[in-house]
N, C-alpha and C. Protein backbone atom coordinates (compact mmCIF):
# COMPACT_ATOMS: atom_id res chain seq x y z
N MET A 1 0.80 -1.13 0.12
CA MET A 1 0.24 0.01 0.01
C MET A 1 0.46 1.61 0.04
N ASP A 2 1.00 1.75 -0.51
CA ASP A 2 1.24 3.14 -0.75
C ASP A 2 0.30 4.49 -1.21
N VAL A 3 1.16 5.62 0.72
CA VAL A 3 0.16 5.87 0.67
C VAL A 3 0.59 7.88 0.43
N LYS A 4 -0.12 8.34 -0.26
CA LYS A 4 0.16 9.87 -0.37
C LYS A 4 -0.82 10.38 0.97
N ALA A 5 -0.44 11.77 2.01
CA ALA A 5 -1.45 12.25 2.63
C ALA A 5 -1.13 13.66 3.08
N TRP A 6 -1.98 14.27 2.33
CA TRP A 6 -2.18 15.56 2.41
C TRP A 6 -2.45 17.00 3.80
N ASN A 7 -1.86 17.24 3.91
CA ASN A 7 -3.21 17.82 5.83
C ASN A 7 -3.33 19.39 5.97
N ASN A 8 -4.15 20.53 5.40
CA ASN A 8 -3.76 21.35 5.11
C ASN A 8 -4.16 22.37 6.45
N GLY A 9 -3.03 22.82 6.28
CA GLY A 9 -2.45 23.44 7.92
C GLY A 9 -2.98 24.69 7.66
N GLY A 10 -3.81 25.36 7.44
CA GLY A 10 -4.10 26.68 7.07
C GLY A 10 -2.80 27.29 7.19
N SER A 11 -3.14 28.60 7.80
CA SER A 11 -2.46 29.73 7.71
C SER A 11 -0.96 29.82 8.40
N SER A 12 -1.28 29.16 9.17
CA SER A 12 0.50 29.15 10.49
C SER A 12 0.99 27.48 10.31
N ARG A 13 1.73 27.87 10.91
CA ARG A 13 2.25 26.22 11.48
C ARG A 13 1.66 25.28 12.18
N GLU A 14 1.04 25.98 13.48
CA GLU A 14 -0.03 25.33 14.83
C GLU A 14 1.14 24.08 14.85
N ILE A 15 0.57 23.42 14.89
CA ILE A 15 0.76 22.22 14.81
C ILE A 15 0.19 20.79 13.83
N THR A 16 0.51 21.44 12.49
CA THR A 16 0.53 20.21 11.49
C THR A 16 1.18 19.25 11.44
N ALA A 17 2.64 19.28 11.81
CA ALA A 17 3.90 18.46 11.17
C ALA A 17 3.56 17.42 12.68
N GLU A 18 3.06 17.74 14.06
CA GLU A 18 2.12 16.99 14.90
C GLU A 18 1.27 15.57 14.73
N VAL A 19 0.27 16.45 13.89
CA VAL A 19 -0.84 16.12 13.62
C VAL A 19 -0.68 14.96 12.51
N MET A 20 -0.12 14.96 11.58
CA MET A 20 0.71 14.45 9.86
C MET A 20 1.39 13.37 10.91
N ASP A 21 2.09 13.74 12.29
CA ASP A 21 3.06 12.03 12.77
C ASP A 21 2.13 11.36 13.08
N ARG A 22 1.21 11.76 14.02
CA ARG A 22 0.67 10.96 14.68
C ARG A 22 -0.58 10.21 13.58
N GLY A 23 -0.79 10.69 12.14
CA GLY A 23 -1.62 10.32 11.94
C GLY A 23 -0.74 8.53 10.89
N ALA A 24 0.58 8.92 10.52
CA ALA A 24 1.76 8.88 9.70
C ALA A 24 0.84 7.37 11.15
N PHE A 25 1.88 7.58 11.91
CA PHE A 25 1.75 6.06 13.05
C PHE A 25 0.68 5.43 13.19
N HIS A 26 -0.45 5.87 12.62
CA HIS A 26 -2.02 5.05 12.88
C HIS A 26 -2.02 4.66 11.48
N ALA A 27 -1.95 5.10 10.17
CA ALA A 27 -2.54 5.26 9.30
C ALA A 27 -3.01 3.69 8.88
N MET A 28 -1.71 2.20 9.30
CA MET A 28 -2.12 0.40 9.01
C MET A 28 -3.33 0.33 10.45
N ASN A 29 -3.94 1.03 11.57
CA ASN A 29 -4.56 0.39 11.93
C ASN A 29 -4.63 -0.27 12.46
N ALA A 30 -5.55 -1.29 13.36
CA ALA A 30 -4.67 -3.08 13.80
C ALA A 30 -4.47 -3.61 12.69
N TYR A 31 -3.80 -3.55 11.32
CA TYR A 31 -3.38 -4.57 10.32
C TYR A 31 -1.95 -5.27 10.46
N HIS A 32 -1.73 -6.36 10.22
CA HIS A 32 -0.41 -6.33 10.17
C HIS A 32 -0.13 -5.81 8.62
N CYS A 33 0.08 -5.35 7.86
CA CYS A 33 0.82 -4.90 6.77
C CYS A 33 1.95 -4.34 6.33
N ALA A 34 3.26 -4.05 7.46
CA ALA A 34 4.61 -3.26 7.58
C ALA A 34 5.28 -3.68 6.25
N LYS A 35 5.56 -4.77 6.21
CA LYS A 35 6.15 -5.41 4.87
C LYS A 35 6.11 -4.46 3.55
N ALA A 36 4.80 -3.81 3.47
CA ALA A 36 3.82 -3.58 1.87
C ALA A 36 3.48 -2.25 2.32
N PHE A 37 3.79 -1.79 2.93
CA PHE A 37 3.72 -0.14 3.11
C PHE A 37 4.51 0.88 2.91
N ARG A 38 3.87 1.75 2.82
CA ARG A 38 4.53 3.41 2.63
C ARG A 38 3.63 4.58 2.65
N PHE A 39 4.50 5.26 3.95
CA PHE A 39 3.20 6.62 3.95
C PHE A 39 4.49 7.84 3.42
N VAL A 40 3.36 8.19 2.98
CA VAL A 40 4.20 9.54 2.61
C VAL A 40 2.96 10.80 2.75
N GLY A 41 3.19 11.88 4.13
CA GLY A 41 2.86 13.18 4.38
C GLY A 41 2.94 14.04 4.17
N THR A 42 2.50 15.05 3.00
CA THR A 42 2.68 16.43 3.06
C THR A 42 1.75 17.60 3.78
N CYS A 43 2.61 18.19 4.75
CA CYS A 43 1.92 19.58 5.48
C CYS A 43 1.15 20.75 4.37
N CYS A 44 0.77 21.35 4.06
CA CYS A 44 0.28 22.41 3.43
C CYS A 44 -0.08 23.84 3.93
N LYS A 45 0.47 24.81 3.11
CA LYS A 45 0.02 26.08 3.99
C LYS A 45 -0.90 26.62 3.01
N SER A 46 -1.83 27.31 3.59
CA SER A 46 -2.81 27.39 2.66
C SER A 46 -3.59 28.95 3.09
N ASN A 47 -4.48 29.46 2.63
CA ASN A 47 -5.36 30.88 2.87
C ASN A 47 -6.60 30.95 3.21
N ILE A 48 -6.24 29.88 4.27
CA ILE A 48 -7.65 28.97 5.26
C ILE A 48 -7.32 29.77 6.58
N THR A 49 -7.49 30.07 7.77
CA THR A 49 -7.33 30.06 8.93
C THR A 49 -7.14 28.98 9.20
N SER A 50 -5.86 28.23 10.40
CA SER A 50 -5.27 27.63 10.80
C SER A 50 -6.41 26.49 11.35
N ASN A 51 -6.57 26.14 11.29
CA ASN A 51 -7.09 24.27 12.76
C ASN A 51 -6.42 23.98 13.62
N THR A 52 -7.04 23.48 15.15
CA THR A 52 -5.92 22.82 15.72
C THR A 52 -6.70 21.07 15.50
N ALA A 53 -5.70 20.75 15.88
CA ALA A 53 -6.35 19.36 16.13
C ALA A 53 -7.30 19.15 17.85
N TYR A 54 -8.11 18.14 16.71
CA TYR A 54 -9.07 17.57 17.72
C TYR A 54 -8.93 16.15 18.12
N ARG A 55 -9.82 15.40 18.88
CA ARG A 55 -9.52 14.71 19.42
C ARG A 55 -9.01 13.50 18.66
N GLY A 56 -8.16 12.30 18.92
CA GLY A 56 -7.46 11.15 17.82
C GLY A 56 -6.46 11.84 17.03
N PHE A 57 -6.47 13.34 16.74
CA PHE A 57 -4.95 14.08 16.35
C PHE A 57 -4.64 13.30 15.25
N GLY A 58 -4.83 13.09 13.89
CA GLY A 58 -4.73 12.91 13.23
C GLY A 58 -4.78 11.59 12.74
N ALA A 59 -4.95 10.76 14.16
CA ALA A 59 -5.31 9.12 13.91
C ALA A 59 -6.48 8.68 13.04
N THR A 60 -7.32 8.78 13.39
CA THR A 60 -8.58 9.00 13.55
C THR A 60 -9.13 9.13 11.66
N GLN A 61 -8.10 9.85 11.15
CA GLN A 61 -8.48 10.02 9.29
C GLN A 61 -7.89 8.98 8.90
N THR A 62 -6.59 8.45 8.74
CA THR A 62 -5.78 7.41 8.53
C THR A 62 -6.54 6.33 9.06
N MET A 63 -6.91 6.11 10.53
CA MET A 63 -7.73 4.65 10.30
C MET A 63 -9.13 4.64 9.77
N LEU A 64 -9.79 5.72 9.34
CA LEU A 64 -11.06 5.50 8.50
C LEU A 64 -9.96 5.30 7.07
N MET A 65 -9.48 6.30 6.46
CA MET A 65 -8.73 5.77 5.16
C MET A 65 -8.49 4.59 5.35
N MET A 66 -7.84 3.20 6.36
CA MET A 66 -7.97 2.17 6.69
C MET A 66 -8.69 1.41 6.41
N GLU A 67 -9.45 1.71 7.09
CA GLU A 67 -11.09 1.09 7.45
C GLU A 67 -11.71 1.36 5.74
N THR A 68 -11.70 1.94 4.55
CA THR A 68 -12.21 2.15 3.73
C THR A 68 -11.41 1.19 2.34
N VAL A 69 -10.30 0.76 3.14
CA VAL A 69 -9.22 -0.16 1.86
C VAL A 69 -9.70 -1.54 2.14
N ILE A 70 -9.86 -1.85 3.92
CA ILE A 70 -10.06 -3.24 3.95
C ILE A 70 -12.00 -3.28 2.84
N ASP A 71 -12.76 -2.31 3.31
CA ASP A 71 -14.05 -2.57 2.67
C ASP A 71 -13.81 -2.69 1.39
N GLN A 72 -13.36 -2.26 0.22
CA GLN A 72 -12.80 -2.08 -0.54
C GLN A 72 -12.13 -3.17 -0.97
N ALA A 73 -11.09 -3.78 -0.14
CA ALA A 73 -10.79 -5.13 -0.86
C ALA A 73 -11.37 -6.32 -1.14
N ALA A 74 -12.24 -5.96 0.32
CA ALA A 74 -13.08 -6.90 0.36
C ALA A 74 -14.30 -7.42 -0.48
N MET A 75 -14.94 -6.22 -1.18
CA MET A 75 -15.96 -6.20 -2.20
C MET A 75 -14.72 -6.85 -3.21
N ALA A 76 -13.88 -6.55 -3.78
CA ALA A 76 -12.92 -6.64 -4.42
C ALA A 76 -12.96 -8.22 -4.57
N LEU A 77 -12.40 -9.07 -3.12
CA LEU A 77 -12.53 -10.48 -3.40
C LEU A 77 -13.40 -11.71 -3.22
N GLU A 78 -14.24 -10.75 -3.20
CA GLU A 78 -16.30 -10.84 -3.37
C GLU A 78 -15.83 -12.12 -1.05
N LYS A 79 -15.42 -11.39 -0.46
CA LYS A 79 -15.32 -11.70 1.03
C LYS A 79 -16.20 -10.77 1.98
N THR A 80 -16.20 -11.12 3.32
CA THR A 80 -17.00 -10.15 3.94
C THR A 80 -15.88 -9.51 4.80
N ARG A 81 -16.16 -8.44 5.25
CA ARG A 81 -15.33 -7.43 5.87
C ARG A 81 -14.64 -8.14 6.80
N GLU A 82 -15.47 -8.58 7.80
CA GLU A 82 -15.08 -9.80 8.83
C GLU A 82 -14.00 -10.61 8.66
N GLU A 83 -14.07 -11.03 7.78
CA GLU A 83 -13.33 -12.33 7.14
C GLU A 83 -11.70 -11.52 6.83
N LEU A 84 -11.24 -10.73 5.91
CA LEU A 84 -10.21 -10.16 5.90
C LEU A 84 -9.69 -9.10 7.04
N VAL A 85 -10.36 -8.97 8.00
CA VAL A 85 -10.17 -8.00 8.98
C VAL A 85 -9.19 -8.64 10.00
N GLU A 86 -10.15 -10.26 10.44
CA GLU A 86 -9.13 -11.22 10.78
C GLU A 86 -8.91 -11.88 10.42
N LYS A 87 -8.21 -11.92 8.84
CA LYS A 87 -7.14 -12.49 8.57
C LYS A 87 -6.04 -11.58 8.80
N ASN A 88 -6.26 -9.99 9.15
CA ASN A 88 -4.92 -9.64 8.67
C ASN A 88 -4.33 -8.53 10.31
N LEU A 89 -5.37 -8.71 11.16
CA LEU A 89 -5.27 -8.67 12.45
C LEU A 89 -4.04 -8.41 13.21
N LEU A 90 -2.96 -7.36 13.55
CA LEU A 90 -1.74 -7.43 13.60
C LEU A 90 -2.33 -8.62 15.23
N LYS A 91 -0.97 -8.97 15.52
CA LYS A 91 -0.14 -10.34 16.31
C LYS A 91 0.78 -9.79 16.84
N ALA A 92 0.84 -10.19 18.17
CA ALA A 92 2.05 -9.70 18.79
C ALA A 92 2.82 -10.34 17.12
N GLY A 93 4.53 -9.60 18.09
CA GLY A 93 5.49 -10.28 17.27
C GLY A 93 5.84 -9.58 15.80
N ALA A 94 4.64 -9.43 15.63
CA ALA A 94 4.74 -7.85 14.47
C ALA A 94 5.79 -6.74 14.28
N VAL A 95 6.15 -6.08 13.52
CA VAL A 95 7.42 -4.98 13.53
C VAL A 95 6.65 -4.22 12.51
N LEU A 96 6.13 -2.86 13.27
CA LEU A 96 5.73 -2.18 12.45
C LEU A 96 5.88 -0.99 11.91
N PRO A 97 6.27 -0.24 10.82
CA PRO A 97 7.28 -0.14 9.64
C PRO A 97 8.01 0.86 10.22
N TYR A 98 7.92 2.02 11.14
CA TYR A 98 8.49 2.65 12.13
C TYR A 98 9.71 1.71 12.66
N GLY A 99 10.13 0.29 12.82
CA GLY A 99 10.18 -0.26 13.65
C GLY A 99 10.14 -0.71 15.37
N GLN A 100 8.70 -0.82 15.51
CA GLN A 100 8.52 -0.42 16.83
C GLN A 100 7.72 -2.42 17.40
N GLU A 101 8.58 -3.60 17.28
CA GLU A 101 7.69 -4.65 17.72
C GLU A 101 6.57 -4.64 18.61
N VAL A 102 5.78 -5.17 18.03
CA VAL A 102 4.22 -5.57 19.08
C VAL A 102 4.65 -6.56 19.57
N LYS A 103 5.01 -5.80 21.34
CA LYS A 103 5.15 -7.30 22.51
C LYS A 103 3.71 -8.14 22.78
N GLN A 104 2.87 -7.05 22.94
CA GLN A 104 1.56 -7.72 23.50
C GLN A 104 0.76 -7.57 22.29
N CYS A 105 -0.26 -8.52 22.03
CA CYS A 105 -1.37 -8.16 21.23
C CYS A 105 -2.58 -8.88 21.59
N HIS A 106 -3.72 -8.44 21.85
CA HIS A 106 -4.92 -8.83 22.40
C HIS A 106 -5.96 -9.06 21.30
N LEU A 107 -5.75 -8.86 20.29
CA LEU A 107 -6.51 -8.26 19.13
C LEU A 107 -7.52 -9.14 18.63
N ASP A 108 -6.85 -10.74 18.65
CA ASP A 108 -7.76 -12.38 18.34
C ASP A 108 -8.18 -11.99 19.13
N GLY A 109 -7.87 -11.98 19.80
CA GLY A 109 -8.74 -12.85 21.72
C GLY A 109 -9.56 -12.18 21.80
N MET A 110 -10.14 -10.83 21.31
CA MET A 110 -11.29 -9.65 21.45
C MET A 110 -12.15 -9.73 20.32
N TRP A 111 -11.18 -9.86 19.22
CA TRP A 111 -12.45 -10.06 17.92
C TRP A 111 -13.10 -11.49 18.16
N HIS A 112 -12.76 -12.88 18.79
CA HIS A 112 -13.39 -13.82 18.92
C HIS A 112 -13.94 -13.61 19.90
N GLU A 113 -13.70 -13.16 20.61
CA GLU A 113 -15.41 -12.48 21.83
C GLU A 113 -16.24 -12.20 21.47
N LEU A 114 -15.94 -11.09 20.47
CA LEU A 114 -16.88 -10.36 19.66
C LEU A 114 -18.17 -11.41 18.71
N CYS A 115 -16.75 -11.85 17.45
CA CYS A 115 -17.42 -12.30 16.39
C CYS A 115 -17.63 -13.65 16.45
N GLY A 116 -16.92 -14.23 17.19
CA GLY A 116 -16.74 -15.94 17.09
C GLY A 116 -17.75 -16.89 17.40
N GLU A 117 -17.63 -18.01 16.99
CA GLU A 117 -18.32 -18.79 17.92
C GLU A 117 -20.23 -18.56 17.29
N GLY A 118 -20.27 -17.49 15.96
CA GLY A 118 -21.70 -17.47 15.49
C GLY A 118 -22.15 -15.61 16.02
N ARG A 119 -21.01 -15.36 16.85
CA ARG A 119 -22.16 -13.83 18.25
C ARG A 119 -22.41 -12.68 17.38
N LEU A 120 -21.62 -12.60 16.36
CA LEU A 120 -21.83 -11.73 14.61
C LEU A 120 -23.26 -11.53 14.32
N GLU A 121 -23.49 -13.17 13.73
CA GLU A 121 -24.96 -13.30 13.02
C GLU A 121 -25.48 -13.16 13.60
N GLU A 122 -25.44 -13.65 15.01
CA GLU A 122 -26.51 -13.50 16.03
C GLU A 122 -27.13 -11.94 16.30
N ARG A 123 -25.84 -11.31 16.08
CA ARG A 123 -26.36 -9.40 16.62
C ARG A 123 -27.34 -9.57 15.49
N ARG A 124 -26.14 -9.80 13.96
CA ARG A 124 -27.14 -9.32 12.96
C ARG A 124 -28.31 -9.49 12.70
N ALA A 125 -29.06 -10.36 12.84
CA ALA A 125 -30.26 -11.19 12.72
C ALA A 125 -31.25 -10.17 13.84
N LYS A 126 -30.65 -9.68 15.28
CA LYS A 126 -31.55 -8.89 16.31
C LYS A 126 -31.68 -7.42 15.03
N VAL A 127 -30.31 -7.23 14.79
CA VAL A 127 -30.47 -6.00 13.91
C VAL A 127 -31.42 -6.29 13.10
N GLU A 128 -31.22 -6.82 11.96
CA GLU A 128 -32.52 -6.79 10.90
C GLU A 128 -33.60 -7.66 11.41
N ALA A 129 -34.03 -8.23 12.44
CA ALA A 129 -35.40 -7.88 13.03
C ALA A 129 -36.53 -6.96 13.09
N PHE A 130 -35.02 -5.94 14.05
CA PHE A 130 -35.40 -4.46 14.40
C PHE A 130 -35.36 -3.92 13.39
N ASN A 131 -34.95 -3.92 12.64
CA ASN A 131 -35.48 -2.58 11.25
C ASN A 131 -36.25 -2.76 10.83
N SER A 132 -36.97 -4.53 10.53
CA SER A 132 -38.18 -4.79 9.36
C SER A 132 -39.54 -4.77 10.14
N THR A 133 -39.14 -3.93 11.96
CA THR A 133 -40.32 -4.25 12.19
C THR A 133 -40.30 -2.46 12.88
N ASN A 134 -39.54 -1.72 12.61
CA ASN A 134 -39.86 -0.32 12.52
C ASN A 134 -39.17 0.53 11.65
N ILE A 135 -40.63 1.44 10.90
CA ILE A 135 -40.23 2.67 10.07
C ILE A 135 -39.42 3.64 10.14
N ARG A 136 -39.67 4.26 12.03
CA ARG A 136 -39.12 5.34 12.27
C ARG A 136 -37.85 5.02 12.20
N TYR A 137 -37.26 4.08 13.39
CA TYR A 137 -35.65 3.62 14.10
C TYR A 137 -35.01 2.80 13.13
N LYS A 138 -34.25 2.68 13.06
CA LYS A 138 -33.42 1.24 12.75
C LYS A 138 -31.64 1.24 13.19
N MET A 139 -30.89 0.70 13.70
CA MET A 139 -29.83 0.16 14.00
C MET A 139 -29.36 -0.33 12.87
N GLY A 140 -28.00 -0.48 13.99
CA GLY A 140 -26.27 -0.56 12.19
C GLY A 140 -25.88 -1.63 14.17
N LEU A 141 -24.91 -2.46 13.03
CA LEU A 141 -23.76 -2.93 13.79
C LEU A 141 -22.12 -2.89 13.14
N SER A 142 -21.36 -2.81 13.40
CA SER A 142 -20.40 -2.68 13.16
C SER A 142 -19.53 -3.41 14.00
N VAL A 143 -18.10 -3.94 13.48
CA VAL A 143 -17.68 -3.34 14.59
C VAL A 143 -15.48 -3.80 13.94
N VAL A 144 -14.80 -2.65 14.18
CA VAL A 144 -14.01 -2.29 14.17
C VAL A 144 -13.02 -1.78 14.97
N PRO A 145 -11.98 -3.02 14.29
CA PRO A 145 -10.55 -2.91 15.34
C PRO A 145 -9.74 -1.80 16.15
N THR A 146 -9.53 -1.31 16.02
CA THR A 146 -8.02 0.12 16.13
C THR A 146 -7.22 -0.75 17.22
N MET A 147 -5.98 -0.06 17.09
CA MET A 147 -4.56 0.67 17.74
C MET A 147 -4.34 2.07 17.47
N TYR A 148 -4.50 2.37 19.12
CA TYR A 148 -4.72 3.58 18.98
C TYR A 148 -2.60 3.51 19.74
N GLY A 149 -2.35 4.43 19.67
CA GLY A 149 -0.89 4.90 20.86
C GLY A 149 -1.16 5.53 21.67
N ILE A 150 -0.42 5.54 22.61
CA ILE A 150 -0.79 6.46 23.72
C ILE A 150 0.42 7.86 24.51
N ASN A 151 1.27 8.36 22.66
CA ASN A 151 2.46 8.98 22.93
C ASN A 151 2.46 9.71 21.31
N PHE A 152 3.09 10.94 21.65
CA PHE A 152 2.98 11.92 21.49
C PHE A 152 4.28 12.38 20.48
N PRO A 153 4.86 12.44 19.38
CA PRO A 153 6.87 12.14 18.91
C PRO A 153 7.14 14.05 19.71
N VAL A 154 6.29 14.81 20.46
CA VAL A 154 6.92 16.17 20.88
C VAL A 154 6.63 15.77 22.23
N ALA A 155 7.41 16.47 22.83
CA ALA A 155 7.72 15.96 24.52
C ALA A 155 5.89 17.20 25.23
N TRP A 156 6.29 18.31 24.86
CA TRP A 156 5.08 19.25 25.52
C TRP A 156 3.53 18.67 25.06
N LEU A 157 3.41 17.83 24.58
CA LEU A 157 1.56 17.41 24.40
C LEU A 157 1.98 15.64 24.51
N ASN A 158 2.22 15.56 25.31
CA ASN A 158 2.05 14.51 26.37
C ASN A 158 2.31 14.79 27.86
N ALA A 159 1.64 16.04 27.88
CA ALA A 159 1.12 16.04 29.71
C ALA A 159 -0.61 15.72 30.16
N GLY A 160 -0.80 15.91 31.14
CA GLY A 160 -2.21 16.08 31.95
C GLY A 160 -2.26 15.53 32.81
N ALA A 161 -3.07 16.27 33.20
CA ALA A 161 -3.29 16.28 34.74
C ALA A 161 -5.23 16.67 35.19
N ALA A 162 -4.81 15.75 36.64
CA ALA A 162 -6.47 15.76 36.47
C ALA A 162 -6.50 16.09 38.29
N LEU A 163 -7.66 16.74 38.97
CA LEU A 163 -7.30 17.58 39.99
C LEU A 163 -9.08 16.13 40.17
N VAL A 164 -8.67 15.80 41.58
CA VAL A 164 -10.11 14.81 42.20
C VAL A 164 -10.36 15.36 43.28
N MET A 165 -11.88 15.61 43.08
CA MET A 165 -12.22 16.60 45.19
C MET A 165 -12.82 15.05 45.48
N VAL A 166 -12.37 14.71 46.36
CA VAL A 166 -13.87 13.60 47.51
C VAL A 166 -14.33 14.29 48.54
N TYR A 167 -15.79 14.54 48.64
CA TYR A 167 -16.56 15.15 49.49
C TYR A 167 -17.00 14.54 50.60
N THR A 168 -17.10 15.05 51.81
CA THR A 168 -17.77 14.22 52.82
C THR A 168 -19.04 13.72 52.50
N ASP A 169 -20.19 13.96 51.69
CA ASP A 169 -21.31 13.49 51.71
C ASP A 169 -20.54 12.57 50.38
N GLY A 170 -19.53 12.01 50.12
CA GLY A 170 -19.35 11.24 48.59
C GLY A 170 -19.07 10.78 47.37
N THR A 171 -19.54 12.83 47.13
CA THR A 171 -20.15 12.87 46.16
C THR A 171 -18.08 12.91 45.90
N VAL A 172 -17.93 12.30 44.59
CA VAL A 172 -16.18 13.24 43.67
C VAL A 172 -17.02 14.12 42.74
N LEU A 173 -15.98 14.93 42.17
CA LEU A 173 -15.24 15.77 41.49
C LEU A 173 -14.78 16.20 40.52
N VAL A 174 -14.30 15.40 39.20
CA VAL A 174 -12.92 15.35 38.90
C VAL A 174 -13.14 16.23 37.82
N SER A 175 -11.57 17.69 37.74
CA SER A 175 -11.98 18.67 36.67
C SER A 175 -10.77 18.13 35.66
N HIS A 176 -11.00 18.56 34.52
CA HIS A 176 -9.45 17.55 33.80
C HIS A 176 -9.35 18.62 32.68
N ALA A 177 -8.15 19.13 32.19
CA ALA A 177 -7.71 19.76 31.03
C ALA A 177 -6.98 18.65 29.65
N GLY A 178 -7.42 18.82 28.73
CA GLY A 178 -6.59 17.99 27.52
C GLY A 178 -4.33 18.72 27.32
N ARG A 179 -4.67 19.74 27.91
CA ARG A 179 -3.39 20.00 27.91
C ARG A 179 -2.92 20.83 28.46
N ILE A 180 -1.20 20.47 29.28
CA ILE A 180 -0.90 21.85 30.39
C ILE A 180 0.03 21.88 29.89
N LEU A 181 0.48 23.35 30.27
CA LEU A 181 1.94 24.20 29.47
C LEU A 181 2.88 24.52 30.95
N LYS A 182 3.95 24.64 30.68
CA LYS A 182 4.57 24.42 31.28
C LYS A 182 5.36 25.96 31.85
N LEU A 183 5.10 26.86 32.36
CA LEU A 183 5.32 27.76 32.20
C LEU A 183 6.84 28.29 33.44
């Protein structure tokens, strides 16, 4: 897979490069394709207002890209999406394109618990039964594996804090911020 991605950074740099890095690290999502995978990201300056990152920080966009690839490949191979996902899930010992070894991986077990032994078909039948008897409301069902890293390549982005207050009546107040800057 040869991926070329462009990130519209707007009129100033902001954290465009860090968002692109995050997207690159997550572009394979939870699938093993490291030996046949290349990602080239380009950050673009344009005439629009700069945007900041939102939750997911570039990872969600490239994960969606890979899920679209899985869907398209399943259709082309005339297989179910779930068959293709199960065959290509990351496993312990896999090496990611940037050299990191996956030492622990529980995707197979979680996938089997959610979808194995007819569980997925049973859930699909319930969804179809509901949808066939409801005109106004509809249900859907999807199982999407994800691999989301918990670190950023820039040290100042790896900060977080929470203030936890426990009151005498037993209630708890938790205040948190997405980012803390050391001043």
